[in-house]
Amino acid sequence: MFEQSKIAVGESIVLKSILFDLGKADLRPESKPELDKVVAFLQANPKAEIALSGHTSSEGDAALNRSLSYRRVKACKDYIVSKGIDLGRIVAEGFGPDRPVAPNDTEANRAKNRRVEMRVVKL
């Protein structure tokens, strides 16, 4: 269960409210409650393993966006590990603009593409 919803191996969830300043990889304080839910999920499911993936819009250089998305998702992983979760249970992946969920044609759609997802790898 994650946020009162059943989750299965292979499923991805967009983590809400994971926020960063433009071009930066430092977690903003309002991101921590959502990451605390991931910590609680992992504590409640001690055999669970997850993959965190970072995504950006297509604005700017694609290679820089891939690097930025990885650094951002690594910051999420580091936060979760700082709460006592074994780092071997989390894989961090940065995809930059390569996996959009919406066209990058409006600011609203670009905002949808700027996200962190959690995929359950093992339960």
PDB file of N, CA and C in Angstrom:
ATOM      1  N   MET A   1       0.849  -1.184   0.000  1.00  0.00           N
ATOM      2  CA  MET A   1       0.000   0.000   0.000  1.00  0.00           C
ATOM      3  C   MET A   1       0.897   1.252   0.000  1.00  0.00           C
ATOM      4  N   PHE A   2       0.523   2.200  -0.831  1.00  0.00           N
ATOM      5  CA  PHE A   2       1.168   3.506  -0.840  1.00  0.00           C
ATOM      6  C   PHE A   2       0.062   4.534  -0.933  1.00  0.00           C
ATOM      7  N   GLU A   3      -0.053   5.366   0.086  1.00  0.00           N
ATOM      8  CA  GLU A   3      -1.118   6.370   0.177  1.00  0.00           C
ATOM      9  C   GLU A   3      -2.501   5.736  -0.009  1.00  0.00           C
ATOM     10  N   GLN A   4      -2.789   4.703   0.739  1.00  0.00           N
ATOM     11  CA  GLN A   4      -4.065   3.996   0.740  1.00  0.00           C
ATOM     12  C   GLN A   4      -4.412   3.349  -0.602  1.00  0.00           C
ATOM     13  N   SER A   5      -3.430   3.167  -1.470  1.00  0.00           N
ATOM     14  CA  SER A   5      -3.655   2.479  -2.742  1.00  0.00           C
ATOM     15  C   SER A   5      -2.719   1.278  -2.819  1.00  0.00           C
ATOM     16  N   LYS A   6      -3.277   0.189  -3.335  1.00  0.00           N
ATOM     17  CA  LYS A   6      -2.458  -1.004  -3.510  1.00  0.00           C
ATOM     18  C   LYS A   6      -1.508  -0.769  -4.674  1.00  0.00           C
ATOM     19  N   ILE A   7      -0.267  -1.176  -4.489  1.00  0.00           N
ATOM     20  CA  ILE A   7       0.745  -0.999  -5.523  1.00  0.00           C
ATOM     21  C   ILE A   7       1.411  -2.346  -5.787  1.00  0.00           C
ATOM     22  N   ALA A   8       1.660  -2.635  -7.052  1.00  0.00           N
ATOM     23  CA  ALA A   8       2.237  -3.919  -7.447  1.00  0.00           C
ATOM     24  C   ALA A   8       3.621  -3.706  -8.035  1.00  0.00           C
ATOM     25  N   VAL A   9       4.389  -4.778  -8.085  1.00  0.00           N
ATOM     26  CA  VAL A   9       5.713  -4.739  -8.707  1.00  0.00           C
ATOM     27  C   VAL A   9       5.562  -4.281 -10.154  1.00  0.00           C
ATOM     28  N   GLY A  10       6.422  -3.364 -10.554  1.00  0.00           N
ATOM     29  CA  GLY A  10       6.389  -2.826 -11.909  1.00  0.00           C
ATOM     30  C   GLY A  10       5.587  -1.549 -12.053  1.00  0.00           C
ATOM     31  N   GLU A  11       4.756  -1.239 -11.085  1.00  0.00           N
ATOM     32  CA  GLU A  11       3.949  -0.016 -11.144  1.00  0.00           C
ATOM     33  C   GLU A  11       4.785   1.208 -10.797  1.00  0.00           C
ATOM     34  N   SER A  12       4.472   2.305 -11.471  1.00  0.00           N
ATOM     35  CA  SER A  12       5.126   3.585 -11.198  1.00  0.00           C
ATOM     36  C   SER A  12       4.111   4.559 -10.641  1.00  0.00           C
ATOM     37  N   ILE A  13       4.578   5.389  -9.739  1.00  0.00           N
ATOM     38  CA  ILE A  13       3.764   6.436  -9.134  1.00  0.00           C
ATOM     39  C   ILE A  13       4.527   7.744  -9.274  1.00  0.00           C
ATOM     40  N   VAL A  14       3.852   8.790  -9.723  1.00  0.00           N
ATOM     41  CA  VAL A  14       4.470  10.113  -9.728  1.00  0.00           C
ATOM     42  C   VAL A  14       4.409  10.648  -8.302  1.00  0.00           C
ATOM     43  N   LEU A  15       5.559  10.966  -7.760  1.00  0.00           N
ATOM     44  CA  LEU A  15       5.605  11.533  -6.415  1.00  0.00           C
ATOM     45  C   LEU A  15       5.237  13.011  -6.517  1.00  0.00           C
ATOM     46  N   LYS A  16       4.234  13.410  -5.750  1.00  0.00           N
ATOM     47  CA  LYS A  16       3.745  14.779  -5.802  1.00  0.00           C
ATOM     48  C   LYS A  16       4.628  15.690  -4.947  1.00  0.00           C
ATOM     49  N   SER A  17       4.698  16.907  -5.325  1.00  0.00           N
ATOM     50  CA  SER A  17       5.367  17.946  -4.517  1.00  0.00           C
ATOM     51  C   SER A  17       6.853  17.709  -4.301  1.00  0.00           C
ATOM     52  N   ILE A  18       7.518  17.046  -5.227  1.00  0.00           N
ATOM     53  CA  ILE A  18       8.978  16.971  -5.170  1.00  0.00           C
ATOM     54  C   ILE A  18       9.471  18.169  -5.977  1.00  0.00           C
ATOM     55  N   LEU A  19       9.986  19.169  -5.272  1.00  0.00           N
ATOM     56  CA  LEU A  19      10.291  20.450  -5.899  1.00  0.00           C
ATOM     57  C   LEU A  19      11.756  20.832  -5.745  1.00  0.00           C
ATOM     58  N   PHE A  20      12.254  21.471  -6.803  1.00  0.00           N
ATOM     59  CA  PHE A  20      13.624  21.973  -6.841  1.00  0.00           C
ATOM     60  C   PHE A  20      13.597  23.364  -7.447  1.00  0.00           C
ATOM     61  N   ASP A  21      14.581  24.174  -7.108  1.00  0.00           N
ATOM     62  CA  ASP A  21      14.723  25.471  -7.767  1.00  0.00           C
ATOM     63  C   ASP A  21      15.252  25.247  -9.175  1.00  0.00           C
ATOM     64  N   LEU A  22      14.988  26.190 -10.051  1.00  0.00           N
ATOM     65  CA  LEU A  22      15.374  26.101 -11.453  1.00  0.00           C
ATOM     66  C   LEU A  22      16.866  25.795 -11.593  1.00  0.00           C
ATOM     67  N   GLY A  23      17.182  24.722 -12.298  1.00  0.00           N
ATOM     68  CA  GLY A  23      18.570  24.360 -12.564  1.00  0.00           C
ATOM     69  C   GLY A  23      19.338  23.807 -11.386  1.00  0.00           C
ATOM     70  N   LYS A  24      18.674  23.547 -10.269  1.00  0.00           N
ATOM     71  CA  LYS A  24      19.351  23.075  -9.051  1.00  0.00           C
ATOM     72  C   LYS A  24      18.866  21.686  -8.678  1.00  0.00           C
ATOM     73  N   ALA A  25      19.650  21.001  -7.856  1.00  0.00           N
ATOM     74  CA  ALA A  25      19.309  19.653  -7.417  1.00  0.00           C
ATOM     75  C   ALA A  25      19.109  19.563  -5.907  1.00  0.00           C
ATOM     76  N   ASP A  26      19.008  20.705  -5.222  1.00  0.00           N
ATOM     77  CA  ASP A  26      18.774  20.704  -3.777  1.00  0.00           C
ATOM     78  C   ASP A  26      17.283  20.570  -3.518  1.00  0.00           C
ATOM     79  N   LEU A  27      16.925  19.596  -2.661  1.00  0.00           N
ATOM     80  CA  LEU A  27      15.517  19.401  -2.317  1.00  0.00           C
ATOM     81  C   LEU A  27      14.973  20.622  -1.601  1.00  0.00           C
ATOM     82  N   ARG A  28      13.806  21.069  -2.013  1.00  0.00           N
ATOM     83  CA  ARG A  28      13.143  22.132  -1.268  1.00  0.00           C
ATOM     84  C   ARG A  28      12.406  21.498  -0.084  1.00  0.00           C
ATOM     85  N   PRO A  29      12.261  22.241   1.022  1.00  0.00           N
ATOM     86  CA  PRO A  29      11.657  21.670   2.237  1.00  0.00           C
ATOM     87  C   PRO A  29      10.274  21.057   2.003  1.00  0.00           C
ATOM     88  N   GLU A  30       9.489  21.610   1.100  1.00  0.00           N
ATOM     89  CA  GLU A  30       8.141  21.079   0.867  1.00  0.00           C
ATOM     90  C   GLU A  30       8.149  19.719   0.176  1.00  0.00           C
ATOM     91  N   SER A  31       9.333  19.242  -0.242  1.00  0.00           N
ATOM     92  CA  SER A  31       9.463  17.914  -0.846  1.00  0.00           C
ATOM     93  C   SER A  31       9.521  16.810   0.209  1.00  0.00           C
ATOM     94  N   LYS A  32       9.950  17.156   1.385  1.00  0.00           N
ATOM     95  CA  LYS A  32      10.227  16.137   2.395  1.00  0.00           C
ATOM     96  C   LYS A  32       9.005  15.351   2.862  1.00  0.00           C
ATOM     97  N   PRO A  33       7.818  15.939   3.030  1.00  0.00           N
ATOM     98  CA  PRO A  33       6.662  15.114   3.431  1.00  0.00           C
ATOM     99  C   PRO A  33       6.340  14.005   2.428  1.00  0.00           C
ATOM    100  N   GLU A  34       6.485  14.266   1.149  1.00  0.00           N
ATOM    101  CA  GLU A  34       6.228  13.228   0.143  1.00  0.00           C
ATOM    102  C   GLU A  34       7.292  12.137   0.219  1.00  0.00           C
ATOM    103  N   LEU A  35       8.535  12.525   0.413  1.00  0.00           N
ATOM    104  CA  LEU A  35       9.596  11.526   0.545  1.00  0.00           C
ATOM    105  C   LEU A  35       9.455  10.741   1.842  1.00  0.00           C
ATOM    106  N   ASP A  36       8.905  11.368   2.872  1.00  0.00           N
ATOM    107  CA  ASP A  36       8.652  10.650   4.121  1.00  0.00           C
ATOM    108  C   ASP A  36       7.623   9.537   3.902  1.00  0.00           C
ATOM    109  N   LYS A  37       6.706   9.722   2.971  1.00  0.00           N
ATOM    110  CA  LYS A  37       5.746   8.655   2.623  1.00  0.00           C
ATOM    111  C   LYS A  37       6.465   7.476   1.979  1.00  0.00           C
ATOM    112  N   VAL A  38       7.479   7.765   1.177  1.00  0.00           N
ATOM    113  CA  VAL A  38       8.285   6.696   0.569  1.00  0.00           C
ATOM    114  C   VAL A  38       9.044   5.952   1.666  1.00  0.00           C
ATOM    115  N   VAL A  39       9.604   6.692   2.617  1.00  0.00           N
ATOM    116  CA  VAL A  39      10.301   6.072   3.747  1.00  0.00           C
ATOM    117  C   VAL A  39       9.341   5.157   4.502  1.00  0.00           C
ATOM    118  N   ALA A  40       8.138   5.643   4.795  1.00  0.00           N
ATOM    119  CA  ALA A  40       7.151   4.838   5.524  1.00  0.00           C
ATOM    120  C   ALA A  40       6.787   3.578   4.738  1.00  0.00           C
ATOM    121  N   PHE A  41       6.636   3.719   3.424  1.00  0.00           N
ATOM    122  CA  PHE A  41       6.341   2.560   2.575  1.00  0.00           C
ATOM    123  C   PHE A  41       7.462   1.524   2.680  1.00  0.00           C
ATOM    124  N   LEU A  42       8.702   1.970   2.587  1.00  0.00           N
ATOM    125  CA  LEU A  42       9.844   1.053   2.653  1.00  0.00           C
ATOM    126  C   LEU A  42       9.999   0.445   4.042  1.00  0.00           C
ATOM    127  N   GLN A  43       9.677   1.194   5.086  1.00  0.00           N
ATOM    128  CA  GLN A  43       9.729   0.650   6.443  1.00  0.00           C
ATOM    129  C   GLN A  43       8.651  -0.414   6.639  1.00  0.00           C
ATOM    130  N   ALA A  44       7.471  -0.182   6.068  1.00  0.00           N
ATOM    131  CA  ALA A  44       6.359  -1.123   6.196  1.00  0.00           C
ATOM    132  C   ALA A  44       6.537  -2.365   5.325  1.00  0.00           C
ATOM    133  N   ASN A  45       7.398  -2.258   4.315  1.00  0.00           N
ATOM    134  CA  ASN A  45       7.658  -3.357   3.385  1.00  0.00           C
ATOM    135  C   ASN A  45       9.161  -3.596   3.318  1.00  0.00           C
ATOM    136  N   PRO A  46       9.728  -4.264   4.337  1.00  0.00           N
ATOM    137  CA  PRO A  46      11.178  -4.351   4.458  1.00  0.00           C
ATOM    138  C   PRO A  46      11.901  -5.091   3.331  1.00  0.00           C
ATOM    139  N   LYS A  47      11.173  -5.838   2.513  1.00  0.00           N
ATOM    140  CA  LYS A  47      11.812  -6.518   1.378  1.00  0.00           C
ATOM    141  C   LYS A  47      11.640  -5.733   0.082  1.00  0.00           C
ATOM    142  N   ALA A  48      10.912  -4.626   0.137  1.00  0.00           N
ATOM    143  CA  ALA A  48      10.647  -3.838  -1.069  1.00  0.00           C
ATOM    144  C   ALA A  48      11.912  -3.149  -1.565  1.00  0.00           C
ATOM    145  N   GLU A  49      12.006  -3.080  -2.885  1.00  0.00           N
ATOM    146  CA  GLU A  49      13.061  -2.313  -3.545  1.00  0.00           C
ATOM    147  C   GLU A  49      12.378  -1.410  -4.561  1.00  0.00           C
ATOM    148  N   ILE A  50      12.927  -0.209  -4.726  1.00  0.00           N
ATOM    149  CA  ILE A  50      12.311   0.753  -5.633  1.00  0.00           C
ATOM    150  C   ILE A  50      13.348   1.349  -6.585  1.00  0.00           C
ATOM    151  N   ALA A  51      12.843   1.891  -7.668  1.00  0.00           N
ATOM    152  CA  ALA A  51      13.656   2.696  -8.580  1.00  0.00           C
ATOM    153  C   ALA A  51      13.038   4.084  -8.593  1.00  0.00           C
ATOM    154  N   LEU A  52      13.839   5.081  -8.371  1.00  0.00           N
ATOM    155  CA  LEU A  52      13.402   6.468  -8.477  1.00  0.00           C
ATOM    156  C   LEU A  52      13.908   6.997  -9.812  1.00  0.00           C
ATOM    157  N   SER A  53      13.021   7.612 -10.575  1.00  0.00           N
ATOM    158  CA  SER A  53      13.441   8.173 -11.862  1.00  0.00           C
ATOM    159  C   SER A  53      13.122   9.655 -11.898  1.00  0.00           C
ATOM    160  N   GLY A  54      14.087  10.408 -12.405  1.00  0.00           N
ATOM    161  CA  GLY A  54      13.938  11.847 -12.535  1.00  0.00           C
ATOM    162  C   GLY A  54      13.706  12.223 -13.983  1.00  0.00           C
ATOM    163  N   HIS A  55      12.825  13.193 -14.194  1.00  0.00           N
ATOM    164  CA  HIS A  55      12.446  13.624 -15.541  1.00  0.00           C
ATOM    165  C   HIS A  55      12.403  15.151 -15.594  1.00  0.00           C
ATOM    166  N   THR A  56      12.701  15.694 -16.771  1.00  0.00           N
ATOM    167  CA  THR A  56      12.655  17.138 -16.973  1.00  0.00           C
ATOM    168  C   THR A  56      11.811  17.440 -18.202  1.00  0.00           C
ATOM    169  N   SER A  57      11.541  18.706 -18.414  1.00  0.00           N
ATOM    170  CA  SER A  57      10.926  19.126 -19.672  1.00  0.00           C
ATOM    171  C   SER A  57      12.033  19.144 -20.732  1.00  0.00           C
ATOM    172  N   SER A  58      11.672  19.516 -21.954  1.00  0.00           N
ATOM    173  CA  SER A  58      12.657  19.504 -23.042  1.00  0.00           C
ATOM    174  C   SER A  58      13.385  20.835 -23.203  1.00  0.00           C
ATOM    175  N   GLU A  59      13.089  21.795 -22.339  1.00  0.00           N
ATOM    176  CA  GLU A  59      13.775  23.088 -22.436  1.00  0.00           C
ATOM    177  C   GLU A  59      15.252  22.921 -22.086  1.00  0.00           C
ATOM    178  N   GLY A  60      16.112  23.547 -22.852  1.00  0.00           N
ATOM    179  CA  GLY A  60      17.544  23.495 -22.574  1.00  0.00           C
ATOM    180  C   GLY A  60      18.204  22.287 -23.210  1.00  0.00           C
ATOM    181  N   ASP A  61      19.480  22.107 -22.893  1.00  0.00           N
ATOM    182  CA  ASP A  61      20.301  21.043 -23.451  1.00  0.00           C
ATOM    183  C   ASP A  61      19.898  19.683 -22.865  1.00  0.00           C
ATOM    184  N   ALA A  62      19.651  18.710 -23.744  1.00  0.00           N
ATOM    185  CA  ALA A  62      19.183  17.392 -23.301  1.00  0.00           C
ATOM    186  C   ALA A  62      20.195  16.706 -22.383  1.00  0.00           C
ATOM    187  N   ALA A  63      21.470  16.769 -22.709  1.00  0.00           N
ATOM    188  CA  ALA A  63      22.495  16.119 -21.875  1.00  0.00           C
ATOM    189  C   ALA A  63      22.545  16.758 -20.486  1.00  0.00           C
ATOM    190  N   LEU A  64      22.466  18.086 -20.433  1.00  0.00           N
ATOM    191  CA  LEU A  64      22.446  18.760 -19.131  1.00  0.00           C
ATOM    192  C   LEU A  64      21.194  18.392 -18.349  1.00  0.00           C
ATOM    193  N   ASN A  65      20.065  18.272 -19.037  1.00  0.00           N
ATOM    194  CA  ASN A  65      18.821  17.887 -18.363  1.00  0.00           C
ATOM    195  C   ASN A  65      18.905  16.461 -17.819  1.00  0.00           C
ATOM    196  N   ARG A  66      19.551  15.553 -18.549  1.00  0.00           N
ATOM    197  CA  ARG A  66      19.721  14.186 -18.044  1.00  0.00           C
ATOM    198  C   ARG A  66      20.562  14.197 -16.767  1.00  0.00           C
ATOM    199  N   SER A  67      21.638  14.959 -16.792  1.00  0.00           N
ATOM    200  CA  SER A  67      22.495  15.075 -15.611  1.00  0.00           C
ATOM    201  C   SER A  67      21.731  15.691 -14.442  1.00  0.00           C
ATOM    202  N   LEU A  68      21.004  16.761 -14.718  1.00  0.00           N
ATOM    203  CA  LEU A  68      20.225  17.428 -13.674  1.00  0.00           C
ATOM    204  C   LEU A  68      19.174  16.483 -13.103  1.00  0.00           C
ATOM    205  N   SER A  69      18.487  15.747 -13.966  1.00  0.00           N
ATOM    206  CA  SER A  69      17.439  14.843 -13.475  1.00  0.00           C
ATOM    207  C   SER A  69      18.052  13.759 -12.590  1.00  0.00           C
ATOM    208  N   TYR A  70      19.243  13.276 -12.946  1.00  0.00           N
ATOM    209  CA  TYR A  70      19.904  12.278 -12.099  1.00  0.00           C
ATOM    210  C   TYR A  70      20.293  12.886 -10.745  1.00  0.00           C
ATOM    211  N   ARG A  71      20.883  14.079 -10.767  1.00  0.00           N
ATOM    212  CA  ARG A  71      21.298  14.707  -9.504  1.00  0.00           C
ATOM    213  C   ARG A  71      20.093  14.969  -8.603  1.00  0.00           C
ATOM    214  N   ARG A  72      18.978  15.320  -9.195  1.00  0.00           N
ATOM    215  CA  ARG A  72      17.756  15.560  -8.406  1.00  0.00           C
ATOM    216  C   ARG A  72      17.240  14.269  -7.782  1.00  0.00           C
ATOM    217  N   VAL A  73      17.184  13.223  -8.573  1.00  0.00           N
ATOM    218  CA  VAL A  73      16.672  11.968  -8.037  1.00  0.00           C
ATOM    219  C   VAL A  73      17.658  11.370  -7.037  1.00  0.00           C
ATOM    220  N   LYS A  74      18.939  11.629  -7.231  1.00  0.00           N
ATOM    221  CA  LYS A  74      19.951  11.198  -6.256  1.00  0.00           C
ATOM    222  C   LYS A  74      19.750  11.938  -4.933  1.00  0.00           C
ATOM    223  N   ALA A  75      19.353  13.204  -4.986  1.00  0.00           N
ATOM    224  CA  ALA A  75      19.051  13.948  -3.752  1.00  0.00           C
ATOM    225  C   ALA A  75      17.866  13.308  -3.022  1.00  0.00           C
ATOM    226  N   CYS A  76      16.889  12.830  -3.774  1.00  0.00           N
ATOM    227  CA  CYS A  76      15.747  12.134  -3.172  1.00  0.00           C
ATOM    228  C   CYS A  76      16.216  10.841  -2.504  1.00  0.00           C
ATOM    229  N   LYS A  77      17.039  10.092  -3.215  1.00  0.00           N
ATOM    230  CA  LYS A  77      17.569   8.838  -2.667  1.00  0.00           C
ATOM    231  C   LYS A  77      18.370   9.113  -1.399  1.00  0.00           C
ATOM    232  N   ASP A  78      19.238  10.116  -1.445  1.00  0.00           N
ATOM    233  CA  ASP A  78      20.062  10.450  -0.279  1.00  0.00           C
ATOM    234  C   ASP A  78      19.197  10.803   0.923  1.00  0.00           C
ATOM    235  N   TYR A  79      18.104  11.523   0.693  1.00  0.00           N
ATOM    236  CA  TYR A  79      17.196  11.880   1.790  1.00  0.00           C
ATOM    237  C   TYR A  79      16.590  10.614   2.390  1.00  0.00           C
ATOM    238  N   ILE A  80      16.112   9.715   1.546  1.00  0.00           N
ATOM    239  CA  ILE A  80      15.489   8.473   2.026  1.00  0.00           C
ATOM    240  C   ILE A  80      16.503   7.636   2.800  1.00  0.00           C
ATOM    241  N   VAL A  81      17.709   7.534   2.296  1.00  0.00           N
ATOM    242  CA  VAL A  81      18.772   6.785   2.979  1.00  0.00           C
ATOM    243  C   VAL A  81      19.097   7.438   4.326  1.00  0.00           C
ATOM    244  N   SER A  82      19.054   8.771   4.390  1.00  0.00           N
ATOM    245  CA  SER A  82      19.340   9.472   5.650  1.00  0.00           C
ATOM    246  C   SER A  82      18.319   9.138   6.739  1.00  0.00           C
ATOM    247  N   LYS A  83      17.179   8.601   6.329  1.00  0.00           N
ATOM    248  CA  LYS A  83      16.124   8.212   7.279  1.00  0.00           C
ATOM    249  C   LYS A  83      16.244   6.750   7.696  1.00  0.00           C
ATOM    250  N   GLY A  84      17.367   6.092   7.312  1.00  0.00           N
ATOM    251  CA  GLY A  84      17.630   4.741   7.781  1.00  0.00           C
ATOM    252  C   GLY A  84      17.304   3.627   6.796  1.00  0.00           C
ATOM    253  N   ILE A  85      16.934   3.966   5.573  1.00  0.00           N
ATOM    254  CA  ILE A  85      16.650   2.946   4.568  1.00  0.00           C
ATOM    255  C   ILE A  85      17.962   2.545   3.887  1.00  0.00           C
ATOM    256  N   ASP A  86      18.177   1.244   3.725  1.00  0.00           N
ATOM    257  CA  ASP A  86      19.396   0.732   3.093  1.00  0.00           C
ATOM    258  C   ASP A  86      19.491   1.225   1.654  1.00  0.00           C
ATOM    259  N   LEU A  87      20.634   1.798   1.299  1.00  0.00           N
ATOM    260  CA  LEU A  87      20.787   2.372  -0.044  1.00  0.00           C
ATOM    261  C   LEU A  87      20.698   1.324  -1.150  1.00  0.00           C
ATOM    262  N   GLY A  88      20.945   0.056  -0.826  1.00  0.00           N
ATOM    263  CA  GLY A  88      20.841  -1.009  -1.805  1.00  0.00           C
ATOM    264  C   GLY A  88      19.413  -1.301  -2.240  1.00  0.00           C
ATOM    265  N   ARG A  89      18.448  -0.726  -1.541  1.00  0.00           N
ATOM    266  CA  ARG A  89      17.034  -0.951  -1.882  1.00  0.00           C
ATOM    267  C   ARG A  89      16.499   0.087  -2.869  1.00  0.00           C
ATOM    268  N   ILE A  90      17.347   1.045  -3.249  1.00  0.00           N
ATOM    269  CA  ILE A  90      16.891   2.145  -4.106  1.00  0.00           C
ATOM    270  C   ILE A  90      17.860   2.324  -5.271  1.00  0.00           C
ATOM    271  N   VAL A  91      17.319   2.350  -6.466  1.00  0.00           N
ATOM    272  CA  VAL A  91      18.089   2.674  -7.666  1.00  0.00           C
ATOM    273  C   VAL A  91      17.647   4.066  -8.099  1.00  0.00           C
ATOM    274  N   ALA A  92      18.595   4.906  -8.474  1.00  0.00           N
ATOM    275  CA  ALA A  92      18.287   6.260  -8.956  1.00  0.00           C
ATOM    276  C   ALA A  92      18.629   6.343 -10.437  1.00  0.00           C
ATOM    277  N   GLU A  93      17.682   6.846 -11.235  1.00  0.00           N
ATOM    278  CA  GLU A  93      17.863   6.955 -12.684  1.00  0.00           C
ATOM    279  C   GLU A  93      17.433   8.348 -13.132  1.00  0.00           C
ATOM    280  N   GLY A  94      18.224   8.959 -13.995  1.00  0.00           N
ATOM    281  CA  GLY A  94      17.864  10.266 -14.546  1.00  0.00           C
ATOM    282  C   GLY A  94      17.633  10.156 -16.047  1.00  0.00           C
ATOM    283  N   PHE A  95      16.428  10.470 -16.477  1.00  0.00           N
ATOM    284  CA  PHE A  95      16.072  10.357 -17.891  1.00  0.00           C
ATOM    285  C   PHE A  95      15.966  11.700 -18.600  1.00  0.00           C
ATOM    286  N   GLY A  96      16.094  12.791 -17.866  1.00  0.00           N
ATOM    287  CA  GLY A  96      15.985  14.103 -18.505  1.00  0.00           C
ATOM    288  C   GLY A  96      14.684  14.220 -19.281  1.00  0.00           C
ATOM    289  N   PRO A  97      14.762  14.701 -20.533  1.00  0.00           N
ATOM    290  CA  PRO A  97      13.551  14.921 -21.332  1.00  0.00           C
ATOM    291  C   PRO A  97      13.123  13.700 -22.151  1.00  0.00           C
ATOM    292  N   ASP A  98      13.771  12.549 -21.941  1.00  0.00           N
ATOM    293  CA  ASP A  98      13.586  11.405 -22.832  1.00  0.00           C
ATOM    294  C   ASP A  98      12.259  10.667 -22.681  1.00  0.00           C
ATOM    295  N   ARG A  99      11.541  10.849 -21.583  1.00  0.00           N
ATOM    296  CA  ARG A  99      10.293  10.118 -21.346  1.00  0.00           C
ATOM    297  C   ARG A  99       9.171  11.076 -20.929  1.00  0.00           C
ATOM    298  N   PRO A 100       8.761  11.958 -21.825  1.00  0.00           N
ATOM    299  CA  PRO A 100       7.697  12.905 -21.459  1.00  0.00           C
ATOM    300  C   PRO A 100       6.351  12.200 -21.285  1.00  0.00           C
ATOM    301  N   VAL A 101       5.516  12.758 -20.417  1.00  0.00           N
ATOM    302  CA  VAL A 101       4.145  12.269 -20.250  1.00  0.00           C
ATOM    303  C   VAL A 101       3.157  13.193 -20.939  1.00  0.00           C
ATOM    304  N   ALA A 102       3.651  14.316 -21.437  1.00  0.00           N
ATOM    305  CA  ALA A 102       2.818  15.300 -22.138  1.00  0.00           C
ATOM    306  C   ALA A 102       3.688  15.998 -23.174  1.00  0.00           C
ATOM    307  N   PRO A 103       3.078  16.571 -24.213  1.00  0.00           N
ATOM    308  CA  PRO A 103       3.868  17.354 -25.167  1.00  0.00           C
ATOM    309  C   PRO A 103       4.520  18.537 -24.441  1.00  0.00           C
ATOM    310  N   ASN A 104       5.666  18.949 -24.892  1.00  0.00           N
ATOM    311  CA  ASN A 104       6.360  20.081 -24.270  1.00  0.00           C
ATOM    312  C   ASN A 104       5.965  21.400 -24.937  1.00  0.00           C
ATOM    313  N   ASP A 105       4.667  21.556 -25.227  1.00  0.00           N
ATOM    314  CA  ASP A 105       4.193  22.695 -26.005  1.00  0.00           C
ATOM    315  C   ASP A 105       3.632  23.841 -25.178  1.00  0.00           C
ATOM    316  N   THR A 106       3.342  23.603 -23.911  1.00  0.00           N
ATOM    317  CA  THR A 106       2.847  24.667 -23.029  1.00  0.00           C
ATOM    318  C   THR A 106       3.551  24.551 -21.686  1.00  0.00           C
ATOM    319  N   GLU A 107       3.526  25.616 -20.899  1.00  0.00           N
ATOM    320  CA  GLU A 107       4.152  25.563 -19.582  1.00  0.00           C
ATOM    321  C   GLU A 107       3.467  24.521 -18.702  1.00  0.00           C
ATOM    322  N   ALA A 108       2.148  24.405 -18.794  1.00  0.00           N
ATOM    323  CA  ALA A 108       1.423  23.412 -17.992  1.00  0.00           C
ATOM    324  C   ALA A 108       1.892  21.999 -18.336  1.00  0.00           C
ATOM    325  N   ASN A 109       2.078  21.715 -19.616  1.00  0.00           N
ATOM    326  CA  ASN A 109       2.550  20.393 -20.012  1.00  0.00           C
ATOM    327  C   ASN A 109       4.008  20.176 -19.622  1.00  0.00           C
ATOM    328  N   ARG A 110       4.836  21.198 -19.764  1.00  0.00           N
ATOM    329  CA  ARG A 110       6.235  21.057 -19.352  1.00  0.00           C
ATOM    330  C   ARG A 110       6.310  20.765 -17.852  1.00  0.00           C
ATOM    331  N   ALA A 111       5.429  21.385 -17.065  1.00  0.00           N
ATOM    332  CA  ALA A 111       5.405  21.138 -15.621  1.00  0.00           C
ATOM    333  C   ALA A 111       5.080  19.667 -15.329  1.00  0.00           C
ATOM    334  N   LYS A 112       4.204  19.063 -16.126  1.00  0.00           N
ATOM    335  CA  LYS A 112       3.882  17.637 -15.946  1.00  0.00           C
ATOM    336  C   LYS A 112       5.108  16.765 -16.216  1.00  0.00           C
ATOM    337  N   ASN A 113       5.948  17.196 -17.132  1.00  0.00           N
ATOM    338  CA  ASN A 113       7.130  16.407 -17.482  1.00  0.00           C
ATOM    339  C   ASN A 113       8.243  16.538 -16.454  1.00  0.00           C
ATOM    340  N   ARG A 114       8.203  17.576 -15.642  1.00  0.00           N
ATOM    341  CA  ARG A 114       9.198  17.751 -14.571  1.00  0.00           C
ATOM    342  C   ARG A 114       8.685  16.992 -13.359  1.00  0.00           C
ATOM    343  N   ARG A 115       9.215  15.785 -13.167  1.00  0.00           N
ATOM    344  CA  ARG A 115       8.653  14.942 -12.117  1.00  0.00           C
ATOM    345  C   ARG A 115       9.684  13.927 -11.622  1.00  0.00           C
ATOM    346  N   VAL A 116       9.355  13.349 -10.456  1.00  0.00           N
ATOM    347  CA  VAL A 116      10.090  12.214  -9.914  1.00  0.00           C
ATOM    348  C   VAL A 116       9.069  11.093  -9.770  1.00  0.00           C
ATOM    349  N   GLU A 117       9.427   9.925 -10.289  1.00  0.00           N
ATOM    350  CA  GLU A 117       8.562   8.756 -10.190  1.00  0.00           C
ATOM    351  C   GLU A 117       9.216   7.695  -9.327  1.00  0.00           C
ATOM    352  N   MET A 118       8.366   6.908  -8.664  1.00  0.00           N
ATOM    353  CA  MET A 118       8.817   5.753  -7.909  1.00  0.00           C
ATOM    354  C   MET A 118       8.212   4.522  -8.564  1.00  0.00           C
ATOM    355  N   ARG A 119       9.063   3.559  -8.910  1.00  0.00           N
ATOM    356  CA  ARG A 119       8.601   2.278  -9.459  1.00  0.00           C
ATOM    357  C   ARG A 119       9.005   1.181  -8.488  1.00  0.00           C
ATOM    358  N   VAL A 120       8.049   0.310  -8.169  1.00  0.00           N
ATOM    359  CA  VAL A 120       8.338  -0.809  -7.279  1.00  0.00           C
ATOM    360  C   VAL A 120       9.028  -1.906  -8.089  1.00  0.00           C
ATOM    361  N   VAL A 121      10.233  -2.264  -7.672  1.00  0.00           N
ATOM    362  CA  VAL A 121      11.026  -3.267  -8.359  1.00  0.00           C
ATOM    363  C   VAL A 121      10.812  -4.640  -7.729  1.00  0.00           C
ATOM    364  N   LYS A 122      10.636  -4.668  -6.408  1.00  0.00           N
ATOM    365  CA  LYS A 122      10.486  -5.924  -5.666  1.00  0.00           C
ATOM    366  C   LYS A 122       9.663  -5.667  -4.412  1.00  0.00           C
ATOM    367  N   LEU A 123       8.826  -6.619  -4.080  1.00  0.00           N
ATOM    368  CA  LEU A 123       8.044  -6.528  -2.827  1.00  0.00           C
ATOM    369  C   LEU A 123       8.342  -7.725  -1.942  1.00  0.00           C
TER     370      LEU A 123
END
